[in-house]
Structure formats: C-alpha cells, structure tokens
Full PDB file with SEQRES, HELIX, SHEET, SSBOND, CRYST1, ORIGX, SCALE, CONECT and MASTER records, all heavy atoms in Angstrom:
SEQRES   1 A   38  MET GLY ASP VAL TRP ARG GLY TYR ASP ALA VAL LEU ASP          
SEQRES   2 A   38  ARG PRO VAL ALA VAL LYS LEU ILE ARG PRO GLN ALA TRP          
SEQRES   3 A   38  SER THR ARG THR SER PHE SER GLY SER TRP TRP ARG              
HELIX    1 AA1 PRO A   23  THR A   28  1                                   6    
HELIX    2 AA2 PHE A   32  TRP A   37  1                                   6    
SHEET    1 AA1 2 GLY A   2  ASP A   9  0                                        
SHEET    2 AA1 2 ARG A  14  ILE A  21 -1                                        
CRYST1    1.000    1.000    1.000  90.00  90.00  90.00 P 1           1          
ORIGX1      1.000000  0.000000  0.000000        0.00000                         
ORIGX2      0.000000  1.000000  0.000000        0.00000                         
ORIGX3      0.000000  0.000000  1.000000        0.00000                         
SCALE1      1.000000  0.000000  0.000000        0.00000                         
SCALE2      0.000000  1.000000  0.000000        0.00000                         
SCALE3      0.000000  0.000000  1.000000        0.00000                         
ATOM      1  N   MET A   1      25.488  -7.460  18.446  1.00  0.00           N  
ATOM      2  CA  MET A   1      25.948  -7.987  17.166  1.00  0.00           C  
ATOM      3  C   MET A   1      26.987  -7.063  16.503  1.00  0.00           C  
ATOM      4  O   MET A   1      27.804  -7.516  15.725  1.00  0.00           O  
ATOM      5  CB  MET A   1      24.793  -8.148  16.225  1.00  0.00           C  
ATOM      6  CG  MET A   1      23.776  -9.198  16.578  1.00  0.00           C  
ATOM      7  SD  MET A   1      24.338 -10.891  16.276  1.00  0.00           S  
ATOM      8  CE  MET A   1      24.586 -10.832  14.534  1.00  0.00           C  
ATOM      9  N   GLY A   2      26.899  -5.785  16.770  1.00  0.00           N  
ATOM     10  CA  GLY A   2      27.793  -4.880  16.086  1.00  0.00           C  
ATOM     11  C   GLY A   2      27.492  -3.396  16.365  1.00  0.00           C  
ATOM     12  O   GLY A   2      26.791  -3.063  17.305  1.00  0.00           O  
ATOM     13  N   ASP A   3      28.046  -2.580  15.485  1.00  0.00           N  
ATOM     14  CA  ASP A   3      27.907  -1.111  15.630  1.00  0.00           C  
ATOM     15  C   ASP A   3      27.162  -0.549  14.471  1.00  0.00           C  
ATOM     16  O   ASP A   3      27.261  -1.009  13.338  1.00  0.00           O  
ATOM     17  CB  ASP A   3      29.294  -0.470  15.700  1.00  0.00           C  
ATOM     18  CG  ASP A   3      30.151  -1.075  16.846  1.00  0.00           C  
ATOM     19  OD1 ASP A   3      29.598  -1.244  17.933  1.00  0.00           O  
ATOM     20  OD2 ASP A   3      31.302  -1.288  16.617  1.00  0.00           O  
ATOM     21  N   VAL A   4      26.394   0.531  14.682  1.00  0.00           N  
ATOM     22  CA  VAL A   4      25.671   1.195  13.616  1.00  0.00           C  
ATOM     23  C   VAL A   4      26.285   2.570  13.443  1.00  0.00           C  
ATOM     24  O   VAL A   4      26.519   3.295  14.394  1.00  0.00           O  
ATOM     25  CB  VAL A   4      24.132   1.326  13.941  1.00  0.00           C  
ATOM     26  CG1 VAL A   4      23.425   1.974  12.803  1.00  0.00           C  
ATOM     27  CG2 VAL A   4      23.567  -0.070  14.204  1.00  0.00           C  
ATOM     28  N   TRP A   5      26.563   2.900  12.172  1.00  0.00           N  
ATOM     29  CA  TRP A   5      27.179   4.137  11.840  1.00  0.00           C  
ATOM     30  C   TRP A   5      26.286   4.997  10.966  1.00  0.00           C  
ATOM     31  O   TRP A   5      25.557   4.498  10.127  1.00  0.00           O  
ATOM     32  CB  TRP A   5      28.457   3.860  11.032  1.00  0.00           C  
ATOM     33  CG  TRP A   5      29.587   3.304  11.844  1.00  0.00           C  
ATOM     34  CD1 TRP A   5      29.671   2.060  12.362  1.00  0.00           C  
ATOM     35  CD2 TRP A   5      30.782   4.012  12.209  1.00  0.00           C  
ATOM     36  NE1 TRP A   5      30.873   1.920  13.039  1.00  0.00           N  
ATOM     37  CE2 TRP A   5      31.541   3.086  12.943  1.00  0.00           C  
ATOM     38  CE3 TRP A   5      31.274   5.297  12.014  1.00  0.00           C  
ATOM     39  CZ2 TRP A   5      32.736   3.418  13.493  1.00  0.00           C  
ATOM     40  CZ3 TRP A   5      32.490   5.641  12.516  1.00  0.00           C  
ATOM     41  CH2 TRP A   5      33.237   4.715  13.287  1.00  0.00           C  
ATOM     42  N   ARG A   6      26.312   6.299  11.164  1.00  0.00           N  
ATOM     43  CA  ARG A   6      25.723   7.236  10.208  1.00  0.00           C  
ATOM     44  C   ARG A   6      26.732   7.307   9.040  1.00  0.00           C  
ATOM     45  O   ARG A   6      27.934   7.482   9.265  1.00  0.00           O  
ATOM     46  CB  ARG A   6      25.608   8.617  10.867  1.00  0.00           C  
ATOM     47  CG  ARG A   6      24.925   9.664   9.985  1.00  0.00           C  
ATOM     48  CD  ARG A   6      24.675  10.948  10.738  1.00  0.00           C  
ATOM     49  NE  ARG A   6      25.934  11.589  11.122  1.00  0.00           N  
ATOM     50  CZ  ARG A   6      26.614  12.387  10.365  1.00  0.00           C  
ATOM     51  NH1 ARG A   6      26.206  12.673   9.137  1.00  0.00           N  
ATOM     52  NH2 ARG A   6      27.717  12.949  10.796  1.00  0.00           N  
ATOM     53  N   GLY A   7      26.176   7.149   7.882  1.00  0.00           N  
ATOM     54  CA  GLY A   7      27.090   7.132   6.713  1.00  0.00           C  
ATOM     55  C   GLY A   7      26.516   7.837   5.511  1.00  0.00           C  
ATOM     56  O   GLY A   7      25.477   8.472   5.585  1.00  0.00           O  
ATOM     57  N   TYR A   8      27.228   7.722   4.414  1.00  0.00           N  
ATOM     58  CA  TYR A   8      26.877   8.357   3.163  1.00  0.00           C  
ATOM     59  C   TYR A   8      27.199   7.371   2.015  1.00  0.00           C  
ATOM     60  O   TYR A   8      28.292   6.817   1.937  1.00  0.00           O  
ATOM     61  CB  TYR A   8      27.628   9.630   2.975  1.00  0.00           C  
ATOM     62  CG  TYR A   8      27.335  10.314   1.663  1.00  0.00           C  
ATOM     63  CD1 TYR A   8      26.170  11.019   1.530  1.00  0.00           C  
ATOM     64  CD2 TYR A   8      28.209  10.253   0.613  1.00  0.00           C  
ATOM     65  CE1 TYR A   8      25.842  11.653   0.308  1.00  0.00           C  
ATOM     66  CE2 TYR A   8      27.912  10.896  -0.587  1.00  0.00           C  
ATOM     67  CZ  TYR A   8      26.761  11.574  -0.735  1.00  0.00           C  
ATOM     68  OH  TYR A   8      26.463  12.164  -1.928  1.00  0.00           O  
ATOM     69  N   ASP A   9      26.176   7.154   1.147  1.00  0.00           N  
ATOM     70  CA  ASP A   9      26.407   6.260  -0.026  1.00  0.00           C  
ATOM     71  C   ASP A   9      26.736   7.179  -1.181  1.00  0.00           C  
ATOM     72  O   ASP A   9      25.921   7.943  -1.676  1.00  0.00           O  
ATOM     73  CB  ASP A   9      25.068   5.509  -0.287  1.00  0.00           C  
ATOM     74  CG  ASP A   9      25.205   4.515  -1.443  1.00  0.00           C  
ATOM     75  OD1 ASP A   9      26.072   4.731  -2.318  1.00  0.00           O  
ATOM     76  OD2 ASP A   9      24.459   3.555  -1.463  1.00  0.00           O  
ATOM     77  N   ALA A  10      28.000   7.066  -1.665  1.00  0.00           N  
ATOM     78  CA  ALA A  10      28.464   7.933  -2.728  1.00  0.00           C  
ATOM     79  C   ALA A  10      27.797   7.588  -4.062  1.00  0.00           C  
ATOM     80  O   ALA A  10      27.694   8.467  -4.945  1.00  0.00           O  
ATOM     81  CB  ALA A  10      29.997   7.844  -2.834  1.00  0.00           C  
ATOM     82  N   VAL A  11      27.390   6.342  -4.246  1.00  0.00           N  
ATOM     83  CA  VAL A  11      26.802   5.943  -5.492  1.00  0.00           C  
ATOM     84  C   VAL A  11      25.351   6.475  -5.590  1.00  0.00           C  
ATOM     85  O   VAL A  11      24.968   6.990  -6.611  1.00  0.00           O  
ATOM     86  CB  VAL A  11      26.803   4.414  -5.684  1.00  0.00           C  
ATOM     87  CG1 VAL A  11      26.016   3.960  -6.866  1.00  0.00           C  
ATOM     88  CG2 VAL A  11      28.239   3.906  -5.732  1.00  0.00           C  
ATOM     89  N   LEU A  12      24.569   6.324  -4.533  1.00  0.00           N  
ATOM     90  CA  LEU A  12      23.199   6.824  -4.579  1.00  0.00           C  
ATOM     91  C   LEU A  12      23.071   8.283  -4.158  1.00  0.00           C  
ATOM     92  O   LEU A  12      21.981   8.838  -4.207  1.00  0.00           O  
ATOM     93  CB  LEU A  12      22.340   5.928  -3.610  1.00  0.00           C  
ATOM     94  CG  LEU A  12      22.170   4.487  -4.027  1.00  0.00           C  
ATOM     95  CD1 LEU A  12      21.362   3.743  -2.983  1.00  0.00           C  
ATOM     96  CD2 LEU A  12      21.526   4.341  -5.389  1.00  0.00           C  
ATOM     97  N   ASP A  13      24.159   8.845  -3.679  1.00  0.00           N  
ATOM     98  CA  ASP A  13      24.185  10.266  -3.253  1.00  0.00           C  
ATOM     99  C   ASP A  13      23.119  10.505  -2.187  1.00  0.00           C  
ATOM    100  O   ASP A  13      22.299  11.417  -2.312  1.00  0.00           O  
ATOM    101  CB  ASP A  13      23.992  11.167  -4.474  1.00  0.00           C  
ATOM    102  CG  ASP A  13      24.266  12.627  -4.129  1.00  0.00           C  
ATOM    103  OD1 ASP A  13      25.087  12.910  -3.222  1.00  0.00           O  
ATOM    104  OD2 ASP A  13      23.642  13.505  -4.769  1.00  0.00           O  
ATOM    105  N   ARG A  14      23.214   9.725  -1.095  1.00  0.00           N  
ATOM    106  CA  ARG A  14      22.213   9.886  -0.049  1.00  0.00           C  
ATOM    107  C   ARG A  14      22.788   9.393   1.273  1.00  0.00           C  
ATOM    108  O   ARG A  14      23.678   8.536   1.317  1.00  0.00           O  
ATOM    109  CB  ARG A  14      20.933   9.158  -0.376  1.00  0.00           C  
ATOM    110  CG  ARG A  14      21.158   7.688  -0.571  1.00  0.00           C  
ATOM    111  CD  ARG A  14      19.876   6.944  -1.030  1.00  0.00           C  
ATOM    112  NE  ARG A  14      19.188   6.504   0.173  1.00  0.00           N  
ATOM    113  CZ  ARG A  14      17.951   6.032   0.160  1.00  0.00           C  
ATOM    114  NH1 ARG A  14      17.316   5.916  -0.958  1.00  0.00           N  
ATOM    115  NH2 ARG A  14      17.368   5.662   1.220  1.00  0.00           N  
ATOM    116  N   PRO A  15      22.255   9.865   2.399  1.00  0.00           N  
ATOM    117  CA  PRO A  15      22.661   9.364   3.705  1.00  0.00           C  
ATOM    118  C   PRO A  15      22.129   7.979   3.913  1.00  0.00           C  
ATOM    119  O   PRO A  15      21.068   7.622   3.428  1.00  0.00           O  
ATOM    120  CB  PRO A  15      22.042  10.377   4.694  1.00  0.00           C  
ATOM    121  CG  PRO A  15      20.970  11.063   3.965  1.00  0.00           C  
ATOM    122  CD  PRO A  15      21.283  10.986   2.502  1.00  0.00           C  
ATOM    123  N   VAL A  16      22.908   7.171   4.679  1.00  0.00           N  
ATOM    124  CA  VAL A  16      22.513   5.807   4.953  1.00  0.00           C  
ATOM    125  C   VAL A  16      22.951   5.443   6.411  1.00  0.00           C  
ATOM    126  O   VAL A  16      23.696   6.163   7.025  1.00  0.00           O  
ATOM    127  CB  VAL A  16      23.166   4.754   4.014  1.00  0.00           C  
ATOM    128  CG1 VAL A  16      22.712   4.964   2.573  1.00  0.00           C  
ATOM    129  CG2 VAL A  16      24.715   4.848   4.067  1.00  0.00           C  
ATOM    130  N   ALA A  17      22.411   4.347   6.873  1.00  0.00           N  
ATOM    131  CA  ALA A  17      22.875   3.730   8.124  1.00  0.00           C  
ATOM    132  C   ALA A  17      23.591   2.454   7.751  1.00  0.00           C  
ATOM    133  O   ALA A  17      23.146   1.694   6.915  1.00  0.00           O  
ATOM    134  CB  ALA A  17      21.743   3.436   9.060  1.00  0.00           C  
ATOM    135  N   VAL A  18      24.779   2.219   8.376  1.00  0.00           N  
ATOM    136  CA  VAL A  18      25.563   1.045   8.009  1.00  0.00           C  
ATOM    137  C   VAL A  18      25.798   0.255   9.322  1.00  0.00           C  
ATOM    138  O   VAL A  18      26.290   0.825  10.307  1.00  0.00           O  
ATOM    139  CB  VAL A  18      26.945   1.427   7.413  1.00  0.00           C  
ATOM    140  CG1 VAL A  18      27.774   0.207   7.155  1.00  0.00           C  
ATOM    141  CG2 VAL A  18      26.731   2.257   6.155  1.00  0.00           C  
ATOM    142  N   LYS A  19      25.445  -0.979   9.325  1.00  0.00           N  
ATOM    143  CA  LYS A  19      25.724  -1.846  10.496  1.00  0.00           C  
ATOM    144  C   LYS A  19      26.944  -2.708  10.213  1.00  0.00           C  
ATOM    145  O   LYS A  19      26.977  -3.454   9.229  1.00  0.00           O  
ATOM    146  CB  LYS A  19      24.528  -2.732  10.824  1.00  0.00           C  
ATOM    147  CG  LYS A  19      24.755  -3.566  12.073  1.00  0.00           C  
ATOM    148  CD  LYS A  19      23.496  -4.187  12.534  1.00  0.00           C  
ATOM    149  CE  LYS A  19      23.694  -4.781  13.930  1.00  0.00           C  
ATOM    150  NZ  LYS A  19      22.469  -5.343  14.454  1.00  0.00           N  
ATOM    151  N   LEU A  20      27.935  -2.627  11.109  1.00  0.00           N  
ATOM    152  CA  LEU A  20      29.132  -3.436  10.988  1.00  0.00           C  
ATOM    153  C   LEU A  20      28.983  -4.547  12.042  1.00  0.00           C  
ATOM    154  O   LEU A  20      28.948  -4.305  13.227  1.00  0.00           O  
ATOM    155  CB  LEU A  20      30.366  -2.573  11.265  1.00  0.00           C  
ATOM    156  CG  LEU A  20      30.585  -1.448  10.355  1.00  0.00           C  
ATOM    157  CD1 LEU A  20      31.818  -0.677  10.755  1.00  0.00           C  
ATOM    158  CD2 LEU A  20      30.725  -1.891   8.900  1.00  0.00           C  
ATOM    159  N   ILE A  21      28.919  -5.787  11.576  1.00  0.00           N  
ATOM    160  CA  ILE A  21      28.752  -6.925  12.471  1.00  0.00           C  
ATOM    161  C   ILE A  21      30.144  -7.336  12.949  1.00  0.00           C  
ATOM    162  O   ILE A  21      31.073  -7.550  12.188  1.00  0.00           O  
ATOM    163  CB  ILE A  21      28.035  -8.071  11.743  1.00  0.00           C  
ATOM    164  CG1 ILE A  21      26.642  -7.583  11.385  1.00  0.00           C  
ATOM    165  CG2 ILE A  21      27.954  -9.285  12.681  1.00  0.00           C  
ATOM    166  CD1 ILE A  21      25.844  -8.570  10.596  1.00  0.00           C  
ATOM    167  N   ARG A  22      30.268  -7.505  14.276  1.00  0.00           N  
ATOM    168  CA  ARG A  22      31.530  -7.905  14.879  1.00  0.00           C  
ATOM    169  C   ARG A  22      31.875  -9.381  14.495  1.00  0.00           C  
ATOM    170  O   ARG A  22      30.981 -10.211  14.410  1.00  0.00           O  
ATOM    171  CB  ARG A  22      31.426  -7.859  16.398  1.00  0.00           C  
ATOM    172  CG  ARG A  22      31.313  -6.445  16.919  1.00  0.00           C  
ATOM    173  CD  ARG A  22      31.378  -6.446  18.429  1.00  0.00           C  
ATOM    174  NE  ARG A  22      31.078  -5.107  18.935  1.00  0.00           N  
ATOM    175  CZ  ARG A  22      29.910  -4.744  19.384  1.00  0.00           C  
ATOM    176  NH1 ARG A  22      28.932  -5.597  19.488  1.00  0.00           N  
ATOM    177  NH2 ARG A  22      29.693  -3.491  19.796  1.00  0.00           N  
ATOM    178  N   PRO A  23      33.131  -9.666  14.279  1.00  0.00           N  
ATOM    179  CA  PRO A  23      33.578 -11.071  13.948  1.00  0.00           C  
ATOM    180  C   PRO A  23      33.078 -12.079  15.016  1.00  0.00           C  
ATOM    181  O   PRO A  23      32.778 -13.194  14.671  1.00  0.00           O  
ATOM    182  CB  PRO A  23      35.077 -10.971  13.873  1.00  0.00           C  
ATOM    183  CG  PRO A  23      35.382  -9.535  13.615  1.00  0.00           C  
ATOM    184  CD  PRO A  23      34.289  -8.758  14.279  1.00  0.00           C  
ATOM    185  N   GLN A  24      33.066 -11.660  16.260  1.00  0.00           N  
ATOM    186  CA  GLN A  24      32.652 -12.568  17.330  1.00  0.00           C  
ATOM    187  C   GLN A  24      31.210 -12.976  17.139  1.00  0.00           C  
ATOM    188  O   GLN A  24      30.811 -14.088  17.501  1.00  0.00           O  
ATOM    189  CB  GLN A  24      32.796 -11.912  18.733  1.00  0.00           C  
ATOM    190  CG  GLN A  24      34.201 -11.536  19.051  1.00  0.00           C  
ATOM    191  CD  GLN A  24      34.579 -10.142  18.565  1.00  0.00           C  
ATOM    192  OE1 GLN A  24      33.863  -9.497  17.779  1.00  0.00           O  
ATOM    193  NE2 GLN A  24      35.758  -9.667  18.955  1.00  0.00           N  
ATOM    194  N   ALA A  25      30.371 -12.106  16.569  1.00  0.00           N  
ATOM    195  CA  ALA A  25      28.990 -12.471  16.353  1.00  0.00           C  
ATOM    196  C   ALA A  25      28.841 -13.621  15.362  1.00  0.00           C  
ATOM    197  O   ALA A  25      27.975 -14.464  15.494  1.00  0.00           O  
ATOM    198  CB  ALA A  25      28.204 -11.234  15.867  1.00  0.00           C  
ATOM    199  N   TRP A  26      29.701 -13.615  14.359  1.00  0.00           N  
ATOM    200  CA  TRP A  26      29.663 -14.715  13.356  1.00  0.00           C  
ATOM    201  C   TRP A  26      30.159 -15.997  13.962  1.00  0.00           C  
ATOM    202  O   TRP A  26      29.624 -17.078  13.741  1.00  0.00           O  
ATOM    203  CB  TRP A  26      30.499 -14.363  12.143  1.00  0.00           C  
ATOM    204  CG  TRP A  26      29.934 -13.318  11.323  1.00  0.00           C  
ATOM    205  CD1 TRP A  26      30.357 -12.034  11.207  1.00  0.00           C  
ATOM    206  CD2 TRP A  26      28.770 -13.424  10.476  1.00  0.00           C  
ATOM    207  NE1 TRP A  26      29.530 -11.309  10.328  1.00  0.00           N  
ATOM    208  CE2 TRP A  26      28.567 -12.147   9.875  1.00  0.00           C  
ATOM    209  CE3 TRP A  26      27.869 -14.411  10.165  1.00  0.00           C  
ATOM    210  CZ2 TRP A  26      27.523 -11.877   8.993  1.00  0.00           C  
ATOM    211  CZ3 TRP A  26      26.797 -14.177   9.301  1.00  0.00           C  
ATOM    212  CH2 TRP A  26      26.655 -12.919   8.738  1.00  0.00           C  
ATOM    213  N   SER A  27      31.234 -15.962  14.795  1.00  0.00           N  
ATOM    214  CA  SER A  27      31.771 -17.191  15.332  1.00  0.00           C  
ATOM    215  C   SER A  27      30.886 -17.842  16.394  1.00  0.00           C  
ATOM    216  O   SER A  27      30.918 -19.014  16.514  1.00  0.00           O  
ATOM    217  CB  SER A  27      33.169 -16.884  15.931  1.00  0.00           C  
ATOM    218  OG  SER A  27      33.054 -15.954  17.035  1.00  0.00           O  
ATOM    219  N   THR A  28      30.050 -17.035  17.046  1.00  0.00           N  
ATOM    220  CA  THR A  28      29.160 -17.610  18.069  1.00  0.00           C  
ATOM    221  C   THR A  28      27.832 -18.013  17.507  1.00  0.00           C  
ATOM    222  O   THR A  28      27.043 -18.709  18.127  1.00  0.00           O  
ATOM    223  CB  THR A  28      28.891 -16.617  19.212  1.00  0.00           C  
ATOM    224  OG1 THR A  28      28.307 -15.419  18.678  1.00  0.00           O  
ATOM    225  CG2 THR A  28      30.206 -16.281  19.935  1.00  0.00           C  
ATOM    226  N   ARG A  29      27.560 -17.637  16.291  1.00  0.00           N  
ATOM    227  CA  ARG A  29      26.268 -18.029  15.633  1.00  0.00           C  
ATOM    228  C   ARG A  29      26.638 -18.734  14.327  1.00  0.00           C  
ATOM    229  O   ARG A  29      26.753 -18.135  13.301  1.00  0.00           O  
ATOM    230  CB  ARG A  29      25.455 -16.786  15.348  1.00  0.00           C  
ATOM    231  CG  ARG A  29      24.910 -16.131  16.585  1.00  0.00           C  
ATOM    232  CD  ARG A  29      24.217 -14.851  16.245  1.00  0.00           C  
ATOM    233  NE  ARG A  29      23.528 -14.294  17.398  1.00  0.00           N  
ATOM    234  CZ  ARG A  29      24.048 -13.605  18.349  1.00  0.00           C  
ATOM    235  NH1 ARG A  29      25.361 -13.378  18.326  1.00  0.00           N  
ATOM    236  NH2 ARG A  29      23.375 -13.109  19.345  1.00  0.00           N  
ATOM    237  N   THR A  30      26.731 -20.042  14.393  1.00  0.00           N  
ATOM    238  CA  THR A  30      27.184 -20.806  13.242  1.00  0.00           C  
ATOM    239  C   THR A  30      26.178 -20.720  12.102  1.00  0.00           C  
ATOM    240  O   THR A  30      26.523 -20.818  10.957  1.00  0.00           O  
ATOM    241  CB  THR A  30      27.410 -22.269  13.616  1.00  0.00           C  
ATOM    242  OG1 THR A  30      26.274 -22.798  14.178  1.00  0.00           O  
ATOM    243  CG2 THR A  30      28.607 -22.392  14.586  1.00  0.00           C  
ATOM    244  N   SER A  31      24.937 -20.569  12.462  1.00  0.00           N  
ATOM    245  CA  SER A  31      23.900 -20.486  11.369  1.00  0.00           C  
ATOM    246  C   SER A  31      23.180 -19.139  11.508  1.00  0.00           C  
ATOM    247  O   SER A  31      21.931 -19.113  11.524  1.00  0.00           O  
ATOM    248  CB  SER A  31      22.937 -21.630  11.453  1.00  0.00           C  
ATOM    249  OG  SER A  31      22.271 -21.616  12.683  1.00  0.00           O  
ATOM    250  N   PHE A  32      23.905 -18.040  11.649  1.00  0.00           N  
ATOM    251  CA  PHE A  32      23.323 -16.724  11.847  1.00  0.00           C  
ATOM    252  C   PHE A  32      22.283 -16.403  10.773  1.00  0.00           C  
ATOM    253  O   PHE A  32      21.186 -16.051  11.058  1.00  0.00           O  
ATOM    254  CB  PHE A  32      24.397 -15.645  11.841  1.00  0.00           C  
ATOM    255  CG  PHE A  32      23.869 -14.249  11.691  1.00  0.00           C  
ATOM    256  CD1 PHE A  32      23.249 -13.659  12.805  1.00  0.00           C  
ATOM    257  CD2 PHE A  32      23.991 -13.557  10.550  1.00  0.00           C  
ATOM    258  CE1 PHE A  32      22.691 -12.400  12.701  1.00  0.00           C  
ATOM    259  CE2 PHE A  32      23.444 -12.277  10.428  1.00  0.00           C  
ATOM    260  CZ  PHE A  32      22.834 -11.720  11.483  1.00  0.00           C  
ATOM    261  N   SER A  33      22.678 -16.554   9.489  1.00  0.00           N  
ATOM    262  CA  SER A  33      21.720 -16.167   8.440  1.00  0.00           C  
ATOM    263  C   SER A  33      20.458 -17.025   8.445  1.00  0.00           C  
ATOM    264  O   SER A  33      19.385 -16.548   8.215  1.00  0.00           O  
ATOM    265  CB  SER A  33      22.399 -16.178   7.076  1.00  0.00           C  
ATOM    266  OG  SER A  33      22.818 -17.464   6.761  1.00  0.00           O  
ATOM    267  N   GLY A  34      20.587 -18.305   8.730  1.00  0.00           N  
ATOM    268  CA  GLY A  34      19.444 -19.175   8.778  1.00  0.00           C  
ATOM    269  C   GLY A  34      18.524 -18.841   9.889  1.00  0.00           C  
ATOM    270  O   GLY A  34      17.273 -18.780   9.711  1.00  0.00           O  
ATOM    271  N   SER A  35      19.050 -18.570  11.095  1.00  0.00           N  
ATOM    272  CA  SER A  35      18.194 -18.215  12.214  1.00  0.00           C  
ATOM    273  C   SER A  35      17.550 -16.844  12.014  1.00  0.00           C  
ATOM    274  O   SER A  35      16.365 -16.625  12.378  1.00  0.00           O  
ATOM    275  CB  SER A  35      18.992 -18.205  13.500  1.00  0.00           C  
ATOM    276  OG  SER A  35      19.990 -17.252  13.480  1.00  0.00           O  
ATOM    277  N   TRP A  36      18.279 -15.922  11.379  1.00  0.00           N  
ATOM    278  CA  TRP A  36      17.689 -14.618  11.120  1.00  0.00           C  
ATOM    279  C   TRP A  36      16.542 -14.763  10.104  1.00  0.00           C  
ATOM    280  O   TRP A  36      15.488 -14.187  10.312  1.00  0.00           O  
ATOM    281  CB  TRP A  36      18.743 -13.693  10.534  1.00  0.00           C  
ATOM    282  CG  TRP A  36      18.177 -12.348  10.109  1.00  0.00           C  
ATOM    283  CD1 TRP A  36      17.964 -11.285  10.942  1.00  0.00           C  
ATOM    284  CD2 TRP A  36      17.792 -11.962   8.795  1.00  0.00           C  
ATOM    285  NE1 TRP A  36      17.422 -10.243  10.205  1.00  0.00           N  
ATOM    286  CE2 TRP A  36      17.313 -10.644   8.881  1.00  0.00           C  
ATOM    287  CE3 TRP A  36      17.805 -12.598   7.549  1.00  0.00           C  
ATOM    288  CZ2 TRP A  36      16.828  -9.931   7.804  1.00  0.00           C  
ATOM    289  CZ3 TRP A  36      17.315 -11.893   6.474  1.00  0.00           C  
ATOM    290  CH2 TRP A  36      16.859 -10.576   6.591  1.00  0.00           C  
ATOM    291  N   TRP A  37      16.724 -15.543   9.085  1.00  0.00           N  
ATOM    292  CA  TRP A  37      15.701 -15.731   8.070  1.00  0.00           C  
ATOM    293  C   TRP A  37      14.459 -16.396   8.641  1.00  0.00           C  
ATOM    294  O   TRP A  37      13.321 -16.010   8.373  1.00  0.00           O  
ATOM    295  CB  TRP A  37      16.268 -16.538   6.913  1.00  0.00           C  
ATOM    296  CG  TRP A  37      15.297 -16.690   5.772  1.00  0.00           C  
ATOM    297  CD1 TRP A  37      14.536 -17.719   5.440  1.00  0.00           C  
ATOM    298  CD2 TRP A  37      14.903 -15.640   4.856  1.00  0.00           C  
ATOM    299  NE1 TRP A  37      13.745 -17.462   4.341  1.00  0.00           N  
ATOM    300  CE2 TRP A  37      13.981 -16.173   3.974  1.00  0.00           C  
ATOM    301  CE3 TRP A  37      15.345 -14.329   4.641  1.00  0.00           C  
ATOM    302  CZ2 TRP A  37      13.433 -15.451   2.904  1.00  0.00           C  
ATOM    303  CZ3 TRP A  37      14.782 -13.599   3.620  1.00  0.00           C  
ATOM    304  CH2 TRP A  37      13.846 -14.162   2.757  1.00  0.00           C  
ATOM    305  N   ARG A  38      14.690 -17.421   9.507  1.00  0.00           N  
ATOM    306  CA  ARG A  38      13.540 -18.106  10.134  1.00  0.00           C  
ATOM    307  C   ARG A  38      12.743 -17.175  11.066  1.00  0.00           C  
ATOM    308  O   ARG A  38      11.551 -17.338  11.262  1.00  0.00           O  
ATOM    309  CB  ARG A  38      14.011 -19.325  10.897  1.00  0.00           C  
ATOM    310  CG  ARG A  38      14.352 -20.498   9.979  1.00  0.00           C  
ATOM    311  CD  ARG A  38      14.637 -21.759  10.755  1.00  0.00           C  
ATOM    312  NE  ARG A  38      15.721 -21.628  11.709  1.00  0.00           N  
ATOM    313  CZ  ARG A  38      17.022 -21.795  11.419  1.00  0.00           C  
ATOM    314  NH1 ARG A  38      17.372 -22.054  10.187  1.00  0.00           N  
ATOM    315  NH2 ARG A  38      17.944 -21.672  12.365  1.00  0.00           N  
TER     316      ARG A  38                                                      
MASTER        0    0    0    2    2    0    0    6  315    1    0    3          
END                                                                             
C-alpha cells in the first residue's frame, strides 16, 4: 500500500510514524476506506 517513514510532529513535539499511501493503491481499491472499516 505504501511506505512508512520515521518522522517528527512539530505541533505535538514528538516522534511519529507516517504512512504514505501510493496513488496506485487508491486506484486499484475503489472502496478502500469501506473495506478497511469493514
């Protein structure tokens, strides 16, 4: 689905993990959010 990055949240002043979802993942899953929720 994508890449996971080690990151930093400047607002909360803490380390975070950020997942960047590839555009191809959205185009191949027309109802991605619905299937994830189910």
